[in-house]
């Protein structure tokens, strides 16, 4: 009897992202990672290793951090605007705004109304500040003439 092996390409893609530091950016019809690896837009690949030429690798890494920084700044502005809007909606109201929460409990979807909780947005904004600083720091290092990184 033949042995059948079923590959899970989505799981492979998830593992590839983990190994190569997650957060790929779209670049020239591929996904580009901070370490210079690129991957096709299909979970099956293909994948390409970073270039061996250090000048080309630095160029790819600059491209990565430039795109990543732009994406992070866009998300930061979006989250900050959402947070500001919700705070403005709450200002001047005599009761706390309520938010609808949907959760799966015991295999059922349960809906509950709870007081507005902005902590998840505040945490995301804090995380994004750190990611933006990291991107700026990496871009600065890649721009140094001696190539320290």
Protein backbone atom coordinates (compact mmCIF):
# COMPACT_ATOMS: atom_id res chain seq x y z
CA UNK A 1 0.00 0.00 0.00
CA UNK A 2 1.47 3.38 -0.98
CA UNK A 3 2.17 5.88 1.75
CA UNK A 4 0.53 9.24 1.27
CA UNK A 5 2.13 12.33 2.76
CA UNK A 6 0.15 15.55 2.81
CA UNK A 7 2.25 18.70 2.98
CA UNK A 8 0.83 21.76 4.71
CA UNK A 9 2.19 24.75 2.80
CA UNK A 10 0.46 27.30 5.04
CA UNK A 11 2.24 25.79 8.04
CA UNK A 12 5.52 25.84 6.09
CA UNK A 13 4.97 29.52 5.23
CA UNK A 14 4.26 30.30 8.90
CA UNK A 15 7.48 28.52 9.93
CA UNK A 16 9.47 30.30 7.19
CA UNK A 17 8.21 33.65 8.46
CA UNK A 18 9.11 32.75 12.05
CA UNK A 19 12.64 31.72 11.09
CA UNK A 20 13.18 34.87 9.05
CA UNK A 21 11.88 37.31 11.70
CA UNK A 22 8.24 37.61 10.61
CA UNK A 23 6.82 40.85 9.17
CA UNK A 24 7.66 40.48 5.47
CA UNK A 25 6.97 43.41 3.17
CA UNK A 26 5.76 43.28 -0.41
CA UNK A 27 8.66 44.01 -2.73
CA UNK A 28 8.78 43.54 -6.49
CA UNK A 29 6.12 40.81 -6.65
CA UNK A 30 7.65 38.93 -3.71
CA UNK A 31 7.78 39.10 0.05
CA UNK A 32 11.03 40.54 1.39
CA UNK A 33 12.33 39.77 4.88
CA UNK A 34 14.72 41.78 7.02
CA UNK A 35 17.51 39.22 6.53
CA UNK A 36 17.35 39.51 2.73
CA UNK A 37 15.40 36.33 2.05
CA UNK A 38 12.57 36.68 -0.44
CA UNK A 39 9.56 34.46 -0.97
CA UNK A 40 6.91 34.18 -3.66
CA UNK A 41 3.37 35.28 -3.00
CA UNK A 42 2.10 31.68 -2.96
CA UNK A 43 2.56 29.66 0.26
CA UNK A 44 4.38 27.01 -1.82
CA UNK A 45 7.03 29.56 -2.74
CA UNK A 46 9.43 29.70 -4.40
CA UNK A 47 11.95 31.20 -1.99
CA UNK A 48 15.27 32.88 -2.68
CA UNK A 49 18.23 33.25 -0.30
CA UNK A 50 19.80 36.64 0.33
CA UNK A 51 22.39 37.78 -2.18
CA UNK A 52 26.00 36.93 -1.38
CA UNK A 53 27.20 40.39 -2.43
CA UNK A 54 27.22 42.51 0.76
CA UNK A 55 26.39 45.69 -1.18
CA UNK A 56 23.34 44.06 -2.74
CA UNK A 57 22.29 42.62 0.63
CA UNK A 58 22.50 46.08 2.26
CA UNK A 59 20.40 47.51 -0.59
CA UNK A 60 17.74 44.85 0.01
CA UNK A 61 17.80 45.48 3.74
CA UNK A 62 17.45 49.24 3.17
CA UNK A 63 14.49 48.51 0.90
CA UNK A 64 13.00 46.28 3.59
CA UNK A 65 13.33 48.85 6.40
CA UNK A 66 12.15 51.74 4.20
CA UNK A 67 8.96 49.87 3.26
CA UNK A 68 8.48 48.54 6.80
CA UNK A 69 8.85 52.03 8.27
CA UNK A 70 6.24 53.44 5.88
CA UNK A 71 3.81 50.63 6.77
CA UNK A 72 4.39 51.13 10.50
CA UNK A 73 3.88 54.88 10.29
CA UNK A 74 0.64 54.36 8.38
CA UNK A 75 -0.64 51.87 10.97
CA UNK A 76 0.49 54.14 13.82
CA UNK A 77 -1.49 57.07 12.38
CA UNK A 78 -4.54 54.83 11.89
CA UNK A 79 -4.47 53.46 15.45
CA UNK A 80 -3.79 56.91 16.93
CA UNK A 81 -6.74 58.37 14.97
CA UNK A 82 -9.03 55.56 16.16
CA UNK A 83 -7.95 56.08 19.75
CA UNK A 84 -8.43 59.86 19.52
CA UNK A 85 -11.86 59.44 17.91
CA UNK A 86 -13.05 57.07 20.61
CA UNK A 87 -11.74 59.34 23.38
CA UNK A 88 -13.52 62.32 21.77
CA UNK A 89 -16.75 60.33 21.53
CA UNK A 90 -16.48 59.52 25.25
CA UNK A 91 -15.71 63.12 26.30
CA UNK A 92 -18.70 64.96 27.69
CA UNK A 93 -20.88 61.87 28.06
CA UNK A 94 -22.41 61.12 31.41
CA UNK A 95 -22.08 57.34 31.01
CA UNK A 96 -19.30 55.16 29.69
CA UNK A 97 -19.60 54.14 26.05
CA UNK A 98 -20.31 50.45 25.66
CA UNK A 99 -18.70 48.06 23.21
CA UNK A 100 -20.04 44.77 21.93
CA UNK A 101 -17.78 41.77 22.50
CA UNK A 102 -18.25 38.49 20.64
CA UNK A 103 -16.50 35.43 22.07
CA UNK A 104 -16.65 31.71 21.50
CA UNK A 105 -17.57 29.91 24.71
CA UNK A 106 -18.19 26.17 24.80
CA UNK A 107 -18.52 26.07 21.02
CA UNK A 108 -21.08 28.89 20.93
CA UNK A 109 -20.73 32.50 19.87
CA UNK A 110 -21.65 34.65 22.87
CA UNK A 111 -22.30 38.38 22.64
CA UNK A 112 -21.77 40.68 25.60
CA UNK A 113 -21.83 44.45 26.05
CA UNK A 114 -19.05 45.89 28.20
CA UNK A 115 -17.69 49.34 29.04
CA UNK A 116 -15.39 50.75 26.37
CA UNK A 117 -11.86 49.46 26.92
CA UNK A 118 -9.12 51.26 25.01
CA UNK A 119 -6.25 49.27 26.50
CA UNK A 120 -5.73 47.08 23.41
CA UNK A 121 -5.42 50.17 21.19
CA UNK A 122 -3.11 51.86 23.70
CA UNK A 123 -0.91 48.75 23.84
CA UNK A 124 -0.79 48.51 20.04
CA UNK A 125 0.21 52.19 19.82
CA UNK A 126 2.99 51.58 22.33
CA UNK A 127 4.20 48.53 20.38
CA UNK A 128 4.15 50.52 17.14
CA UNK A 129 6.29 53.28 18.71
CA UNK A 130 8.91 50.63 19.46
CA UNK A 131 8.70 49.13 15.97
CA UNK A 132 9.06 52.57 14.36
CA UNK A 133 12.12 53.29 16.51
CA UNK A 134 13.60 49.91 15.53
CA UNK A 135 13.05 50.60 11.84
CA UNK A 136 14.63 54.05 12.06
CA UNK A 137 17.58 52.62 13.99
CA UNK A 138 18.14 49.87 11.41
CA UNK A 139 17.89 52.32 8.51
CA UNK A 140 20.38 54.62 10.22
CA UNK A 141 22.85 51.74 10.69
CA UNK A 142 22.46 50.68 7.06
CA UNK A 143 23.21 54.25 5.91
CA UNK A 144 26.51 54.36 7.84
CA UNK A 145 29.47 54.20 5.43
CA UNK A 146 31.29 51.43 7.30
CA UNK A 147 28.20 49.19 7.17
CA UNK A 148 27.95 48.48 10.89
CA UNK A 149 24.77 46.66 11.77
